[in-house]
Amino acid sequence: MKLYYKLFNNHNCDSLIQIIENIIEKLESGKNKNYKKNVKYTTKEYICAIIEVLSNNISWRKYNGKIDGRVLNNKHNYYVKIGI
């Protein structure tokens, strides 16, 4: 909760997407940065696609965007698992 409070009071964040990116960066700080399994898409692209799926109320499989719906669903589940 303290992490979220610090990030929301940060004046460098202009949008919700930047706030979420900062939260993901802080929560993934324990991961090994030398080993990156998937660098095809940026965190911002994942966040925008997830928000699009959730706001339009469509299924993950029927999502027709840059990122495959199944990959997007896995990334969403991972973000939920780490506490976002």
Protein backbone atom coordinates (compact mmCIF):
# COMPACT_ATOMS: atom_id res chain seq x y z
CA MET A 1 0.00 0.00 0.00
CA LYS A 2 2.89 2.35 0.74
CA LEU A 3 4.29 1.72 -2.74
CA TYR A 4 0.99 2.72 -4.36
CA TYR A 5 0.72 5.82 -2.19
CA LYS A 6 4.21 6.99 -3.19
CA LEU A 7 3.58 6.37 -6.88
CA PHE A 8 0.20 8.12 -6.99
CA ASN A 9 1.62 11.19 -5.27
CA ASN A 10 4.50 11.38 -7.75
CA HIS A 11 3.98 14.43 -9.97
CA ASN A 12 6.02 12.92 -12.82
CA CYS A 13 3.11 10.64 -13.73
CA ASP A 14 0.82 12.25 -16.27
CA SER A 15 -1.44 9.36 -17.09
CA LEU A 16 -2.84 6.13 -15.78
CA ILE A 17 -0.61 4.15 -18.14
CA GLN A 18 2.53 5.77 -16.72
CA ILE A 19 1.35 5.07 -13.19
CA ILE A 20 0.77 1.41 -14.02
CA GLU A 21 4.18 1.20 -15.73
CA ASN A 22 5.85 2.59 -12.60
CA ILE A 23 3.99 0.10 -10.39
CA ILE A 24 5.03 -2.82 -12.62
CA GLU A 25 8.64 -1.62 -12.60
CA LYS A 26 8.69 -1.41 -8.80
CA LEU A 27 7.02 -4.79 -8.30
CA GLU A 28 9.36 -6.50 -10.78
CA SER A 29 12.48 -4.99 -9.22
CA GLY A 30 13.43 -8.39 -7.74
CA LYS A 31 13.57 -10.10 -11.12
CA ASN A 32 16.84 -10.78 -12.90
CA LYS A 33 17.18 -7.97 -15.46
CA ASN A 34 19.86 -9.82 -17.44
CA TYR A 35 17.41 -12.53 -18.49
CA LYS A 36 14.40 -11.28 -20.43
CA LYS A 37 12.18 -13.97 -21.86
CA ASN A 38 9.99 -11.82 -24.07
CA VAL A 39 10.98 -8.40 -25.34
CA LYS A 40 8.77 -8.36 -28.42
CA TYR A 41 6.31 -5.89 -26.88
CA THR A 42 6.83 -3.09 -24.40
CA THR A 43 5.07 -2.83 -21.08
CA LYS A 44 3.12 0.14 -22.38
CA GLU A 45 1.80 -1.90 -25.33
CA TYR A 46 0.66 -4.66 -22.97
CA ILE A 47 -1.07 -2.18 -20.68
CA CYS A 48 -2.88 -0.41 -23.53
CA ALA A 49 -4.07 -3.71 -25.02
CA ILE A 50 -5.28 -5.03 -21.65
CA ILE A 51 -7.17 -1.81 -20.99
CA GLU A 52 -8.72 -2.04 -24.46
CA VAL A 53 -9.92 -5.61 -23.89
CA LEU A 54 -11.33 -4.83 -20.45
CA SER A 55 -13.01 -1.57 -21.43
CA ASN A 56 -14.64 -3.01 -24.58
CA ASN A 57 -15.80 -6.14 -22.76
CA ILE A 58 -14.53 -8.59 -25.40
CA SER A 59 -13.02 -12.01 -24.89
CA TRP A 60 -9.27 -12.54 -24.91
CA ARG A 61 -9.50 -14.96 -27.83
CA LYS A 62 -11.52 -12.57 -30.00
CA TYR A 63 -9.20 -9.62 -29.44
CA ASN A 64 -7.97 -8.46 -32.83
CA GLY A 65 -4.98 -6.29 -32.11
CA LYS A 66 -1.23 -6.16 -32.31
CA ILE A 67 -0.77 -8.72 -29.52
CA ASP A 68 -2.34 -12.18 -29.66
CA GLY A 69 -5.24 -12.53 -27.22
CA ARG A 70 -3.83 -15.65 -25.56
CA VAL A 71 -0.48 -13.94 -24.91
CA LEU A 72 -2.32 -10.91 -23.60
CA ASN A 73 -4.40 -13.05 -21.25
CA ASN A 74 -1.24 -14.70 -19.89
CA LYS A 75 0.37 -11.30 -19.30
CA HIS A 76 -2.82 -10.07 -17.56
CA ASN A 77 -2.80 -13.14 -15.30
CA TYR A 78 0.88 -12.52 -14.50
CA TYR A 79 0.19 -8.89 -13.57
CA VAL A 80 -2.68 -9.97 -11.33
CA LYS A 81 -0.40 -12.56 -9.71
CA ILE A 82 2.27 -9.98 -8.80
CA GLY A 83 -0.38 -7.68 -7.31
CA ILE A 84 -1.37 -5.11 -9.91
